[in-house]
């Protein structure tokens, strides 16, 4: 099953603080993209998801850990999407030093793509609201 997806601007990853990398809130095309066709979440709803993911977290590294857990636990995988016009299968997510990446597979080839840059299919998979919350947090972190 092939799903249409829209292209996204590339996120900028900057070194912040004590040598840790984390995504910042803009890409070459402006603010980080929002999810499409995910039920539009209000600022309050996004803030509530951010609060849930980051409760008891101290600092950006622990908050990133919280988002990685929430996305891993709630995002229905695998799912198909299109990256650069090519269908891929997202088999999982992995936390890295610079953020959260989607583990994409196509014809036996694997590629990690920053989840902030990942085009989502229409309709998006169940649990995609956690990606929206992560994107919301990344804009202000």
Foldseek 3Di string as FASTA:
>chain_A
DAFAWDFWADWDWDQDDPRFIETEQAGPVGGQDAAPPPPDDDPVRLVVLLCQQCPPNDDDVRSLVSLLVLCQVWFDDFDWYADPNHIWTFHGWDADSYHIWTWTDDPRDTDTHHLSRDTAGVVGTTSCSSSNSVSVVNHPD
